[in-house]
Protein backbone atom coordinates (compact mmCIF):
# COMPACT_ATOMS: atom_id res chain seq x y z
CA MET A 1 -0.16 -0.08 0.08
CA ARG A 2 1.27 3.53 -0.89
CA ARG A 3 2.28 5.89 2.04
CA ARG A 4 -0.86 8.23 0.86
CA ASP A 5 -3.20 5.52 1.13
CA LEU A 6 -1.88 3.99 4.36
CA LEU A 7 -2.09 7.69 6.05
CA ALA A 8 -5.76 7.73 4.66
CA ALA A 9 -6.40 4.64 6.17
CA ALA A 10 -4.76 5.81 9.16
CA LEU A 11 -6.96 9.28 9.45
CA SER A 12 -10.07 6.93 8.94
CA THR A 13 -9.10 4.90 11.75
CA ALA A 14 -8.62 7.64 14.07
CA ALA A 15 -12.01 9.16 13.20
CA PHE A 16 -13.85 6.57 14.21
CA GLY A 17 -11.83 5.46 17.57
CA LEU A 18 -10.93 2.24 15.87
CA THR A 19 -7.06 2.00 17.89
CA ARG A 20 -5.66 -1.28 19.36
CA ASN A 21 -5.67 -1.12 23.31
CA ALA A 22 -3.16 -2.96 24.99
CA TYR A 23 -4.92 -6.57 24.60
CA GLY A 24 -4.06 -6.45 20.99
CA ALA A 25 -7.84 -5.87 20.15
CA GLN A 26 -9.74 -2.85 18.81
CA SER A 27 -11.72 -0.13 20.84
CA GLY A 28 -14.73 -1.59 22.98
CA VAL A 29 -12.89 -4.50 23.95
CA SER A 30 -10.96 -4.54 27.22
CA GLU A 31 -9.52 -6.82 29.92
CA SER A 32 -13.33 -7.26 31.13
CA GLU A 33 -16.16 -6.29 28.72
CA VAL A 34 -16.77 -6.07 25.30
CA VAL A 35 -18.92 -2.84 24.72
CA LEU A 36 -21.99 -2.70 21.92
CA GLY A 37 -23.66 0.20 20.32
CA GLN A 38 -27.44 0.54 18.93
CA SER A 39 -29.32 3.19 17.73
CA ALA A 40 -33.02 2.72 17.40
CA VAL A 41 -36.23 4.17 17.64
CA LEU A 42 -36.60 4.01 21.33
CA SER A 43 -39.54 6.56 21.86
CA GLY A 44 -43.07 7.38 20.90
CA PRO A 45 -45.22 4.81 19.14
CA LEU A 46 -43.26 3.69 17.08
CA GLY A 47 -40.27 3.09 19.94
CA VAL A 48 -43.00 0.54 21.61
CA ALA A 49 -41.87 -2.73 20.04
CA MET A 50 -38.10 -1.91 20.12
CA LYS A 51 -38.55 -1.30 24.27
CA SER A 52 -39.88 -4.87 24.19
CA PHE A 53 -37.20 -6.18 21.86
CA ASN A 54 -34.19 -4.77 24.17
CA ALA A 55 -35.96 -6.07 27.09
CA GLY A 56 -35.41 -9.47 25.53
CA ALA A 57 -32.14 -8.96 24.33
CA HIS A 58 -31.21 -7.64 28.12
CA LEU A 59 -32.15 -11.30 29.14
CA ALA A 60 -29.95 -12.88 27.07
CA PHE A 61 -27.40 -10.64 27.65
CA GLU A 62 -27.72 -10.48 31.81
CA ASP A 63 -27.74 -14.57 31.76
CA VAL A 64 -24.23 -14.83 29.85
CA ASN A 65 -22.57 -11.99 31.80
CA ALA A 66 -23.91 -13.55 35.14
CA ARG A 67 -21.79 -16.78 34.06
CA GLY A 68 -18.48 -14.93 33.58
CA GLY A 69 -19.33 -13.29 29.90
CA ILE A 70 -17.48 -14.79 26.98
CA ALA A 71 -14.24 -15.50 27.45
CA GLY A 72 -14.24 -13.66 30.40
CA ARG A 73 -15.77 -10.38 29.12
CA LYS A 74 -19.19 -9.34 29.83
CA ILE A 75 -21.18 -7.27 27.47
CA ARG A 76 -22.67 -4.09 27.58
CA VAL A 77 -24.58 -2.24 25.15
CA LEU A 78 -25.09 1.53 24.56
CA SER A 79 -28.40 2.44 23.29
CA LEU A 80 -29.36 5.91 21.67
CA ASP A 81 -32.71 7.07 20.39
CA ASP A 82 -33.12 7.73 16.64
CA GLY A 83 -36.59 8.15 16.41
CA LEU A 84 -36.44 6.47 13.02
CA LYS A 85 -34.93 9.51 11.49
CA PRO A 86 -31.75 8.57 9.36
CA ASP A 87 -29.93 11.93 10.13
CA VAL A 88 -30.31 11.17 13.59
CA ALA A 89 -29.00 7.73 12.90
CA VAL A 90 -25.91 8.72 11.35
CA ALA A 91 -24.89 11.16 14.34
CA ASN A 92 -25.74 8.31 16.64
CA TYR A 93 -23.57 5.86 15.06
CA LYS A 94 -20.63 8.21 14.64
CA LYS A 95 -21.07 9.49 18.14
CA LEU A 96 -21.05 5.67 19.50
CA LEU A 97 -17.70 4.98 17.44
CA GLY A 98 -15.94 8.09 17.60
CA GLU A 99 -17.21 8.96 21.53
CA HIS A 100 -17.99 5.56 23.05
CA ASN A 101 -15.55 3.15 21.05
CA VAL A 102 -17.84 0.47 20.80
CA PHE A 103 -16.89 -2.62 19.12
CA ALA A 104 -19.69 -3.81 17.20
CA PHE A 105 -23.24 -2.51 16.96
CA PHE A 106 -26.56 -4.75 17.52
CA GLY A 107 -30.36 -4.31 17.10
CA GLY A 108 -30.57 -1.89 14.22
CA VAL A 109 -34.11 -1.00 12.70
CA GLY A 110 -35.75 0.78 10.28
CA SER A 111 -34.76 0.52 6.47
CA GLY A 112 -34.44 4.50 5.96
CA THR A 113 -31.94 4.43 9.20
CA ILE A 114 -29.97 1.38 8.38
CA ALA A 115 -29.26 2.46 4.64
CA ALA A 116 -27.83 5.79 5.94
CA ALA A 117 -25.82 4.21 8.55
CA THR A 118 -24.52 1.55 5.89
CA PRO A 119 -21.44 3.64 4.67
CA ILE A 120 -20.31 3.97 8.13
CA LEU A 121 -20.56 0.38 9.06
CA ARG A 122 -18.30 -0.16 5.64
CA GLU A 123 -15.72 2.56 6.60
CA SER A 124 -15.17 1.81 10.69
CA ASN A 125 -15.34 -2.45 9.66
CA ALA A 126 -17.70 -2.64 12.47
CA PRO A 127 -20.39 -5.02 12.38
CA LEU A 128 -24.41 -4.49 13.12
CA ILE A 129 -25.45 -8.07 14.19
CA GLY A 130 -29.42 -8.36 14.83
CA ASN A 131 -32.15 -6.40 13.16
CA PHE A 132 -35.84 -5.27 13.17
CA ALA A 133 -38.49 -4.47 10.63
CA LEU A 134 -35.98 -3.94 7.28
CA SER A 135 -36.64 -3.83 3.92
CA ASP A 136 -34.88 -6.51 1.78
CA GLY A 137 -33.28 -3.71 -0.72
CA VAL A 138 -31.42 -2.69 2.53
CA ARG A 139 -30.16 -5.86 3.51
CA GLU A 140 -29.16 -6.56 -0.08
CA LYS A 141 -26.97 -2.89 0.16
CA ALA A 142 -25.51 -3.93 3.81
CA ASN A 143 -24.63 -7.06 2.67
CA GLY A 144 -21.36 -7.65 4.24
CA ALA A 145 -21.49 -4.92 6.84
CA ALA A 146 -24.51 -6.22 8.46
CA TYR A 147 -26.26 -9.84 9.57
CA PHE A 148 -29.89 -9.90 10.02
CA VAL A 149 -31.38 -12.51 11.61
CA ARG A 150 -35.38 -12.57 11.11
CA ALA A 151 -36.62 -13.95 7.67
CA SER A 152 -36.91 -11.23 4.58
CA TYR A 153 -40.22 -9.66 3.95
CA GLY A 154 -39.67 -11.74 0.36
CA ARG A 155 -40.16 -15.25 2.49
CA GLU A 156 -43.18 -13.75 4.34
CA ALA A 157 -44.71 -13.11 0.98
CA GLU A 158 -43.86 -16.56 -0.36
CA LYS A 159 -45.28 -18.24 2.76
CA LEU A 160 -48.73 -16.35 2.76
CA VAL A 161 -49.16 -16.56 -0.68
CA GLN A 162 -48.35 -20.67 -0.42
CA HIS A 163 -50.92 -20.74 2.16
CA LEU A 164 -53.58 -18.67 0.72
CA SER A 165 -52.88 -20.75 -2.98
CA THR A 166 -53.37 -24.15 -0.66
CA ILE A 167 -56.68 -23.02 0.79
CA GLY A 168 -58.15 -22.08 -2.86
CA ILE A 169 -57.95 -18.48 -2.77
CA THR A 170 -57.81 -16.48 -6.12
CA ARG A 171 -59.22 -13.04 -4.76
CA ILE A 172 -56.54 -11.40 -2.80
CA GLY A 173 -56.52 -7.65 -1.45
CA VAL A 174 -53.21 -6.38 -0.19
CA ALA A 175 -53.02 -2.96 2.25
CA HIS A 176 -49.53 -1.58 2.41
CA LEU A 177 -48.09 1.39 3.73
CA ALA A 178 -47.54 4.53 1.02
CA ASN A 179 -44.02 4.42 1.47
CA PRO A 180 -40.90 2.71 -0.16
CA GLY A 181 -41.10 -0.08 1.96
CA GLY A 182 -44.73 -0.84 1.76
CA THR A 183 -44.34 -0.35 -2.47
CA GLU A 184 -41.50 -2.94 -2.30
CA VAL A 185 -43.66 -5.63 -0.40
CA LEU A 186 -46.73 -5.45 -2.97
CA SER A 187 -43.96 -6.07 -5.49
CA LEU A 188 -42.89 -9.03 -3.43
CA LEU A 189 -46.42 -10.07 -3.06
CA ARG A 190 -47.27 -10.09 -6.82
CA ALA A 191 -43.95 -12.03 -7.45
CA ALA A 192 -44.99 -14.28 -5.25
CA VAL A 193 -48.35 -14.95 -6.96
CA ALA A 194 -46.98 -15.32 -10.33
CA SER A 195 -45.13 -18.13 -8.95
CA GLN A 196 -46.89 -19.43 -6.33
CA GLY A 197 -50.58 -18.62 -6.66
CA ARG A 198 -53.45 -20.17 -8.24
CA ALA A 199 -54.14 -19.76 -12.02
CA GLY A 200 -55.86 -16.83 -12.35
CA THR A 201 -55.03 -15.01 -9.23
CA GLN A 202 -56.08 -11.37 -8.62
CA LEU A 203 -54.33 -9.19 -6.54
CA VAL A 204 -55.91 -5.63 -5.77
CA SER A 205 -54.02 -3.22 -3.56
CA ALA A 206 -54.58 -0.19 -1.47
CA ALA A 207 -52.09 2.30 0.06
CA VAL A 208 -52.46 3.53 3.48
CA ASN A 209 -50.57 6.40 4.87
CA ASN A 210 -48.19 6.43 7.32
CA ASP A 211 -50.16 7.65 9.88
CA GLY A 212 -53.34 6.20 8.59
CA SER A 213 -55.30 9.27 7.52
CA ASN A 214 -56.96 7.49 4.51
CA VAL A 215 -57.28 3.76 5.88
CA ALA A 216 -61.36 4.56 5.41
CA GLU A 217 -60.72 5.05 1.57
CA ALA A 218 -58.38 1.89 1.09
CA GLY A 219 -60.78 -0.09 3.07
CA LYS A 220 -63.68 0.94 0.72
CA THR A 221 -61.35 0.28 -2.45
CA LEU A 222 -60.53 -3.17 -0.74
CA ALA A 223 -64.40 -4.06 0.08
CA ALA A 224 -65.35 -3.10 -3.63
CA VAL A 225 -63.47 -6.18 -5.26
CA LEU A 226 -65.09 -8.45 -2.24
CA PRO A 227 -61.42 -9.95 -1.70
CA GLN A 228 -61.46 -13.60 -0.16
CA ALA A 229 -58.48 -12.74 2.08
CA VAL A 230 -56.36 -9.66 2.83
CA ILE A 231 -53.08 -9.04 3.75
CA MET A 232 -51.97 -6.20 5.65
CA PHE A 233 -48.67 -4.69 5.57
CA ILE A 234 -49.75 -1.81 7.97
CA SER A 235 -49.15 -1.25 12.04
CA GLY A 236 -50.59 0.40 14.93
CA PRO A 237 -54.44 1.55 15.00
CA PRO A 238 -55.07 1.64 10.97
CA VAL A 239 -54.81 -2.32 11.15
CA ALA A 240 -58.06 -2.27 13.12
CA GLU A 241 -59.69 0.56 11.49
CA LEU A 242 -59.52 -1.26 8.11
CA MET A 243 -60.90 -4.27 9.47
CA LYS A 244 -63.95 -2.39 10.58
CA VAL A 245 -64.24 -0.32 7.45
CA MET A 246 -64.62 -3.38 5.46
CA TRP A 247 -67.09 -5.12 7.55
CA ALA A 248 -69.53 -1.65 7.34
CA ALA A 249 -68.82 -2.43 3.81
CA LYS A 250 -70.32 -5.96 3.90
CA SER A 251 -66.95 -7.35 3.07
CA THR A 252 -66.04 -10.16 5.00
CA PRO A 253 -62.87 -11.58 4.08
CA MET A 254 -59.90 -13.60 6.04
CA PHE A 255 -57.32 -11.41 7.32
CA TYR A 256 -53.67 -12.14 7.32
CA GLY A 257 -50.99 -9.51 8.87
CA MET A 258 -47.26 -9.56 7.73
CA SER A 259 -45.13 -9.72 11.08
CA VAL A 260 -45.01 -5.82 11.26
CA VAL A 261 -48.70 -6.40 12.60
CA ALA A 262 -49.20 -6.40 16.39
CA GLY A 263 -51.88 -9.00 16.74
CA ASP A 264 -52.39 -8.15 20.14
CA GLN A 265 -53.05 -4.85 19.83
CA VAL A 266 -55.39 -5.38 17.26
CA ALA A 267 -57.47 -7.80 19.49
CA LYS A 268 -57.35 -4.89 22.34
CA ALA A 269 -59.06 -2.79 19.58
CA LEU A 270 -61.51 -4.99 18.62
CA GLY A 271 -62.43 -7.00 21.37
CA GLU A 272 -65.20 -9.86 21.10
CA ARG A 273 -65.75 -8.42 17.43
CA MET A 274 -62.33 -9.68 16.55
CA GLY A 275 -62.78 -12.01 13.73
CA GLY A 276 -59.97 -14.52 12.18
CA LEU A 277 -56.64 -12.85 11.91
CA ALA A 278 -53.45 -14.81 11.11
CA ILE A 279 -49.94 -13.43 11.51
CA SER A 280 -46.87 -14.45 9.62
CA GLN A 281 -44.26 -14.23 12.86
CA VAL A 282 -40.58 -14.67 11.90
CA MET A 283 -39.68 -16.08 15.25
CA PRO A 284 -40.37 -19.60 16.77
CA TYR A 285 -43.48 -19.68 19.45
CA PRO A 286 -42.49 -17.96 22.47
CA TRP A 287 -44.83 -19.80 24.67
CA SER A 288 -44.08 -23.55 23.44
CA ASP A 289 -43.49 -25.98 26.02
CA ALA A 290 -41.27 -28.25 23.92
CA ASP A 291 -38.54 -26.00 23.30
CA ALA A 292 -35.89 -25.92 25.76
CA THR A 293 -34.71 -22.00 24.69
CA ALA A 294 -38.63 -21.06 24.60
CA SER A 295 -39.03 -22.25 28.24
CA GLY A 296 -35.82 -20.61 29.43
CA PHE A 297 -36.77 -17.40 27.93
CA ARG A 298 -40.23 -17.15 29.69
CA GLU A 299 -38.28 -18.23 32.97
CA ARG A 300 -36.02 -14.93 32.49
CA CYS A 301 -38.93 -13.04 31.74
CA ALA A 302 -40.83 -13.99 34.91
CA ALA A 303 -37.83 -13.53 37.28
CA ALA A 304 -37.25 -9.90 35.27
CA ARG A 305 -41.36 -9.02 35.11
CA VAL A 306 -40.87 -8.87 31.44
CA GLU A 307 -43.76 -9.53 29.30
CA PRO A 308 -43.16 -12.81 27.24
CA ASP A 309 -44.07 -12.07 23.78
CA TYR A 310 -42.94 -11.64 20.02
CA TYR A 311 -41.05 -8.87 20.07
CA SER A 312 -38.97 -9.76 23.61
CA TYR A 313 -38.58 -13.00 22.05
CA GLU A 314 -37.18 -11.46 18.80
CA GLY A 315 -34.40 -9.36 21.04
CA TYR A 316 -33.47 -12.54 22.77
CA ILE A 317 -32.92 -14.74 19.68
CA ASN A 318 -31.26 -11.89 18.36
CA ALA A 319 -28.99 -11.69 21.35
CA SER A 320 -28.04 -15.41 21.47
CA VAL A 321 -26.86 -15.04 17.82
CA LEU A 322 -24.58 -12.22 18.69
CA ILE A 323 -23.45 -13.80 22.10
CA GLU A 324 -23.04 -16.91 19.88
CA ALA A 325 -20.99 -15.56 17.34
CA LEU A 326 -18.84 -14.08 20.18
CA ARG A 327 -18.18 -17.29 21.97
CA ARG A 328 -17.11 -18.96 18.70
CA THR A 329 -14.64 -15.65 17.94
CA GLY A 330 -12.97 -16.27 21.29
CA ARG A 331 -10.53 -14.38 23.31
CA ASN A 332 -8.48 -12.70 20.15
CA LEU A 333 -11.62 -10.37 19.66
CA THR A 334 -11.54 -8.13 16.44
CA ARG A 335 -13.58 -6.86 14.05
CA GLU A 336 -12.01 -8.55 11.22
CA LEU A 337 -12.56 -11.87 13.19
CA LEU A 338 -16.31 -11.01 14.29
CA HIS A 339 -17.06 -10.86 10.34
CA ALA A 340 -15.15 -13.92 9.52
CA THR A 341 -17.26 -15.77 12.30
CA MET A 342 -20.42 -14.36 11.13
CA ARG A 343 -20.06 -15.56 7.35
CA THR A 344 -19.24 -18.94 8.52
CA LEU A 345 -22.23 -18.86 11.19
CA LYS A 346 -24.61 -22.00 11.17
CA THR A 347 -26.43 -23.15 14.11
CA ARG A 348 -29.94 -23.61 15.97
CA ILE A 349 -31.49 -21.21 18.62
CA GLY A 350 -34.99 -21.85 19.98
CA SER A 351 -36.05 -24.32 16.92
CA MET A 352 -35.10 -21.69 14.41
CA ASP A 353 -32.14 -22.75 12.03
CA VAL A 354 -29.99 -19.63 11.48
CA ASP A 355 -27.58 -19.61 8.60
CA PHE A 356 -25.06 -16.98 7.28
CA THR A 357 -22.99 -19.45 5.42
CA GLY A 358 -25.02 -18.40 2.07
CA PRO A 359 -24.60 -15.30 -0.37
CA GLY A 360 -27.25 -13.23 1.75
CA SER A 361 -27.11 -11.29 4.83
CA THR A 362 -30.19 -13.22 6.39
CA GLY A 363 -29.78 -15.93 8.80
CA SER A 364 -33.54 -17.22 8.87
CA ARG A 365 -36.05 -18.63 6.15
CA PHE A 366 -38.09 -19.09 9.37
CA VAL A 367 -42.12 -18.48 9.15
CA ASP A 368 -44.99 -19.13 10.94
CA LEU A 369 -48.94 -18.40 10.69
CA VAL A 370 -50.35 -18.24 13.73
CA HIS A 371 -54.25 -16.77 14.67
CA VAL A 372 -54.98 -14.12 17.75
CA ASN A 373 -58.12 -14.85 19.57
CA SER A 374 -60.45 -11.88 20.64
CA GLN A 375 -58.18 -11.64 24.25
CA GLY A 376 -54.97 -10.97 21.89
CA ARG A 377 -53.39 -14.73 22.61
CA PHE A 378 -51.68 -16.22 19.71
CA ARG A 379 -52.64 -19.71 19.21
CA ARG A 380 -50.97 -22.02 16.61
């Protein structure tokens, strides 16, 4: 490498606090701990799910810390709220690297924020491990810099369309968010219908504004074509409102929510009016009695007074993947070696296969359809 290139690399390293310490490891790694950073939406309505995610992750980290940590090092996570705003996320990533000297990142959320932070991940070589609510397109752009556990939206689309085809559904409605992520999901569903749907299957869509302001119009648009089933890629109160509008218009389809739909919150909004709602979940069933990981998770939830649900279990499993990667990397912990470990990581956690040895950056293809009853309980 030429002198000029060496100098540029050194300046880049200094900018992100990438100095090596006395133990031959990089910033964020000491004799006694590993420091991780997180930038995520942690406030307001959009932060509710991530607070639960983090509560579950904390259970996994605290458990391994109580048993002496990884190679004698305990795990500490510094979290900053970005409000799901890309510019704030970029500032957070730079601050976590430059001021707090974190070793790696955990639990990213949001397509726009992770897309904006990906150049920083590449420049610093600090891997991001674990995710929540992220488009397939951003996963591809971040390939090699970040590692995503939950199955892709494309995989969810395949599972839902395959199920509907099996039960003979040929008229499908789609309510999707009126943003780039929603448009991408609609394209994924159309592709799934083309490859797996029954001959003659029709798909009609309606876009719902992020704030739900046009949900009544969207519901009437879908009701007019009398769909046999409606797939929803929307979240929050608009989910229940859409169902009410369609019922009022004398349309009674089966409703299917993608993993962004909080089924328990829909049940609270609808009460006894709650009909058949199925959700495509990208995590195993947290209430399983046959799965030792799920049982251990619920025991730790009870001790810490954390509500066991799909969000907290997702955080727990994401943290478990990171813990396993750190364990396999060993005492000589560097970012380069952690990347190498992630690229060869293949394991099974909580009845879910996790495999990063393929060409993509997503470890799981697990998708499970579960029903939500009027009490907000999930039933397989």
